[in-house]
N, C-alpha and C. Protein backbone atom coordinates (compact mmCIF):
# COMPACT_ATOMS: atom_id res chain seq x y z
N UNK A 1 31.10 18.32 -13.20
CA UNK A 1 30.91 18.33 -11.75
C UNK A 1 31.89 17.95 -10.76
N UNK A 2 32.31 18.10 -9.31
CA UNK A 2 33.21 17.50 -8.51
C UNK A 2 32.22 16.59 -7.75
N UNK A 3 32.70 14.86 -7.41
CA UNK A 3 32.03 14.60 -6.24
C UNK A 3 31.41 15.88 -4.76
N UNK A 4 33.19 16.80 -4.42
CA UNK A 4 32.41 17.18 -3.13
C UNK A 4 31.19 18.23 -3.59
N UNK A 5 31.28 18.82 -4.87
CA UNK A 5 30.45 19.73 -5.27
C UNK A 5 28.98 19.27 -5.80
N UNK A 6 29.06 17.85 -6.11
CA UNK A 6 27.78 17.54 -5.55
C UNK A 6 27.70 16.91 -4.51
N UNK A 7 27.98 16.95 -3.86
CA UNK A 7 27.54 16.88 -2.68
C UNK A 7 27.19 17.52 -1.25
N UNK A 8 27.58 19.03 -1.38
CA UNK A 8 26.77 20.11 -1.80
C UNK A 8 25.62 20.54 -2.15
N UNK A 9 25.34 20.29 -3.28
CA UNK A 9 24.46 20.51 -3.72
C UNK A 9 23.39 19.79 -3.01
N UNK A 10 23.45 18.36 -3.22
CA UNK A 10 22.55 17.65 -3.19
C UNK A 10 22.12 17.72 -1.52
N UNK A 11 23.03 18.45 -1.25
CA UNK A 11 22.58 18.92 0.80
C UNK A 11 22.04 19.85 0.68
N UNK A 12 22.53 20.87 0.06
CA UNK A 12 21.43 22.01 -0.07
C UNK A 12 19.89 21.58 -0.73
N UNK A 13 19.72 21.01 -1.42
CA UNK A 13 18.29 20.63 -2.11
C UNK A 13 17.32 19.88 -0.69
N UNK A 14 18.50 19.35 0.06
CA UNK A 14 17.17 18.59 0.96
C UNK A 14 17.07 19.27 1.89
N UNK A 15 18.29 19.91 2.55
CA UNK A 15 17.90 21.01 3.00
C UNK A 15 16.99 22.14 3.22
N UNK A 16 16.37 22.62 2.16
CA UNK A 16 15.30 23.82 1.00
C UNK A 16 14.12 22.48 1.28
N UNK A 17 14.14 21.53 0.37
CA UNK A 17 12.92 21.14 1.17
C UNK A 17 12.52 20.21 2.63
N UNK A 18 13.02 20.22 3.00
CA UNK A 18 12.90 19.69 4.64
C UNK A 18 12.62 20.96 5.37
N UNK A 19 13.25 22.28 5.44
CA UNK A 19 12.89 23.43 5.83
C UNK A 19 11.10 24.23 4.61
N UNK A 20 11.13 23.66 3.41
CA UNK A 20 10.32 23.97 2.22
C UNK A 20 8.63 23.53 2.97
N UNK A 21 8.52 21.90 3.47
CA UNK A 21 7.30 21.33 3.49
C UNK A 21 6.93 22.20 4.87
N UNK A 22 5.51 21.75 4.82
CA UNK A 22 4.66 22.01 6.25
C UNK A 22 4.33 20.69 6.47
N UNK A 23 4.14 20.76 7.83
CA UNK A 23 3.63 19.99 9.04
C UNK A 23 2.42 19.51 8.34
N UNK A 24 1.41 18.13 8.55
CA UNK A 24 0.35 18.03 7.97
C UNK A 24 -0.17 17.80 9.41
N UNK A 25 -1.74 17.84 8.86
CA UNK A 25 -2.44 17.86 10.44
C UNK A 25 -2.38 16.15 10.47
N UNK A 26 -2.66 15.78 11.92
CA UNK A 26 -3.24 14.82 12.50
C UNK A 26 -3.98 14.33 11.96
N UNK A 27 -5.01 14.05 12.31
CA UNK A 27 -6.42 13.93 11.70
C UNK A 27 -7.09 14.36 10.68
N UNK A 28 -6.87 14.02 8.95
CA UNK A 28 -7.64 14.74 7.95
C UNK A 28 -8.95 14.33 7.84
N UNK A 29 -9.38 15.06 7.73
CA UNK A 29 -11.14 14.73 7.65
C UNK A 29 -11.59 13.88 5.95
N UNK A 30 -12.23 12.87 5.61
CA UNK A 30 -12.32 12.92 4.73
C UNK A 30 -13.59 11.39 5.30
N UNK A 31 -13.45 10.59 3.59
CA UNK A 31 -14.26 9.41 3.81
C UNK A 31 -13.86 7.86 5.41
N UNK A 32 -12.49 8.13 5.63
CA UNK A 32 -11.86 6.89 6.76
C UNK A 32 -12.15 7.59 7.59
N UNK A 33 -12.69 8.12 8.01
CA UNK A 33 -13.28 9.22 9.63
C UNK A 33 -14.38 8.57 10.07
N UNK A 34 -14.29 7.78 10.93
CA UNK A 34 -15.80 7.82 11.63
C UNK A 34 -15.91 8.35 12.48
N UNK A 35 -16.65 9.17 13.30
CA UNK A 35 -16.79 10.33 14.10
C UNK A 35 -17.24 9.13 15.43
N UNK A 36 -16.60 9.71 16.10
CA UNK A 36 -16.80 8.49 17.67
C UNK A 36 -16.70 7.49 17.37
N UNK A 37 -15.31 7.23 16.35
CA UNK A 37 -14.63 5.82 16.73
C UNK A 37 -13.28 5.78 16.18
N UNK A 38 -12.67 5.01 17.68
CA UNK A 38 -10.97 5.13 17.71
C UNK A 38 -10.46 4.52 17.00
N UNK A 39 -9.21 5.58 16.40
CA UNK A 39 -7.85 5.78 14.91
C UNK A 39 -7.63 3.82 14.88
N UNK A 40 -7.61 4.00 16.28
CA UNK A 40 -7.27 2.01 16.65
C UNK A 40 -7.90 1.08 16.01
N UNK A 41 -9.42 0.50 16.13
CA UNK A 41 -10.48 0.59 15.71
C UNK A 41 -10.66 0.26 14.28
N UNK A 42 -10.81 1.65 13.69
CA UNK A 42 -10.98 2.42 11.98
C UNK A 42 -9.68 1.65 12.08
N UNK A 43 -8.49 1.21 12.38
CA UNK A 43 -6.94 0.76 11.47
C UNK A 43 -7.39 -0.64 11.42
N UNK A 44 -8.16 -1.39 12.53
CA UNK A 44 -8.44 -2.79 12.85
C UNK A 44 -9.84 -3.16 11.82
N UNK A 45 -10.71 -1.99 11.89
CA UNK A 45 -11.68 -2.48 10.44
C UNK A 45 -10.90 -2.31 9.14
N UNK A 46 -10.46 -1.58 8.73
CA UNK A 46 -9.52 -1.30 7.16
C UNK A 46 -8.32 -2.40 7.32
N UNK A 47 -8.07 -2.94 8.08
CA UNK A 47 -6.83 -3.98 8.04
C UNK A 47 -8.03 -5.01 7.69
N UNK A 48 -8.44 -5.37 8.63
CA UNK A 48 -9.59 -6.80 8.33
C UNK A 48 -10.27 -6.95 6.88
N UNK A 49 -10.74 -5.96 6.74
CA UNK A 49 -11.26 -5.70 5.52
C UNK A 49 -10.29 -5.76 4.09
N UNK A 50 -9.25 -5.34 4.38
CA UNK A 50 -8.35 -6.13 3.24
C UNK A 50 -7.76 -6.76 3.44
N UNK A 51 -7.87 -8.16 4.55
CA UNK A 51 -7.38 -9.20 4.06
C UNK A 51 -8.43 -9.84 3.23
N UNK A 52 -9.42 -9.81 4.16
CA UNK A 52 -10.62 -10.28 3.39
C UNK A 52 -10.51 -10.27 1.67
N UNK A 53 -10.11 -9.08 1.49
CA UNK A 53 -10.28 -9.02 -0.27
C UNK A 53 -9.09 -9.94 -1.09
N UNK A 54 -7.22 -9.56 0.08
CA UNK A 54 -7.19 -10.35 -0.46
C UNK A 54 -7.00 -12.37 -0.30
N UNK A 55 -7.86 -12.75 0.32
CA UNK A 55 -8.31 -14.03 0.64
C UNK A 55 -9.31 -14.63 -0.89
N UNK A 56 -10.12 -13.61 -0.74
CA UNK A 56 -11.17 -13.84 -2.35
C UNK A 56 -10.28 -13.93 -3.38
N UNK A 57 -9.30 -12.37 -3.46
CA UNK A 57 -8.50 -13.09 -4.69
C UNK A 57 -7.66 -13.55 -5.14
N UNK A 58 -7.05 -14.80 -3.85
CA UNK A 58 -6.73 -15.74 -3.64
C UNK A 58 -6.98 -17.53 -4.36
N UNK A 59 -8.44 -16.85 -3.49
CA UNK A 59 -9.49 -18.14 -3.84
C UNK A 59 -10.14 -17.94 -5.12
N UNK A 60 -10.21 -16.58 -6.30
CA UNK A 60 -10.41 -16.82 -7.53
C UNK A 60 -9.70 -17.58 -8.30
N UNK A 61 -8.08 -16.86 -7.97
CA UNK A 61 -7.37 -16.93 -8.64
C UNK A 61 -7.35 -18.83 -8.53
N UNK A 62 -6.83 -19.19 -7.46
CA UNK A 62 -6.99 -21.43 -7.45
C UNK A 62 -8.20 -21.38 -8.17
N UNK A 63 -9.37 -20.57 -7.90
CA UNK A 63 -10.44 -21.86 -8.68
C UNK A 63 -10.27 -21.20 -10.37
N UNK A 64 -10.00 -20.07 -10.94
CA UNK A 64 -9.40 -19.94 -12.39
C UNK A 64 -8.74 -21.16 -12.56
N UNK A 65 -7.38 -21.25 -12.15
CA UNK A 65 -6.64 -22.00 -12.41
C UNK A 65 -5.91 -23.08 -12.19
N UNK A 66 -7.16 -23.63 -11.97
CA UNK A 66 -7.14 -24.84 -11.11
C UNK A 66 -7.58 -25.80 -13.18
N UNK A 67 -6.58 -26.76 -13.63
CA UNK A 67 -7.08 -27.67 -14.41
C UNK A 67 -8.60 -28.17 -14.62
N UNK A 68 -8.99 -27.95 -15.71
CA UNK A 68 -10.54 -29.15 -16.19
C UNK A 68 -10.62 -30.01 -15.85
N UNK A 69 -11.66 -31.00 -15.43
CA UNK A 69 -11.87 -31.87 -15.12
C UNK A 69 -12.26 -33.01 -16.23
N UNK A 70 -11.95 -32.18 -17.74
CA UNK A 70 -11.57 -33.60 -18.97
C UNK A 70 -10.86 -33.06 -19.80
N UNK A 71 -9.52 -32.42 -19.23
CA UNK A 71 -8.24 -32.43 -19.58
C UNK A 71 -8.04 -33.67 -19.14
N UNK A 72 -7.02 -34.38 -19.61
CA UNK A 72 -6.34 -35.00 -18.59
C UNK A 72 -4.37 -34.10 -18.47
N UNK A 73 -4.28 -35.13 -17.59
CA UNK A 73 -3.26 -34.22 -16.88
C UNK A 73 -2.39 -34.42 -17.62
N UNK A 74 -1.42 -35.30 -18.51
CA UNK A 74 -0.71 -35.17 -19.10
C UNK A 74 -0.17 -34.25 -19.97
N UNK A 75 -1.46 -33.21 -20.37
CA UNK A 75 -2.17 -32.14 -21.03
C UNK A 75 -1.73 -31.06 -20.37
N UNK A 76 -1.77 -30.91 -19.11
CA UNK A 76 -1.45 -30.17 -18.31
C UNK A 76 0.13 -29.40 -18.07
N UNK A 77 0.86 -30.84 -18.73
CA UNK A 77 2.29 -30.18 -18.09
C UNK A 77 3.11 -29.34 -19.57
């Protein structure tokens, strides 16, 4: 295939996929949907919980990777 033919084929596939896709609803029901709460508040709470989990993971990595007290410093290199 020449470069021009490949370009036409790729353009055709992209156009076909664009017209074949259906729009998603703006508000999907599910476990993360809380009635009466604004989407901004839900996003802030979810982001805060994700930050908390990341801090816990970092703290656990720091605790488990620190050198033990009974091992001399020269062995840890």
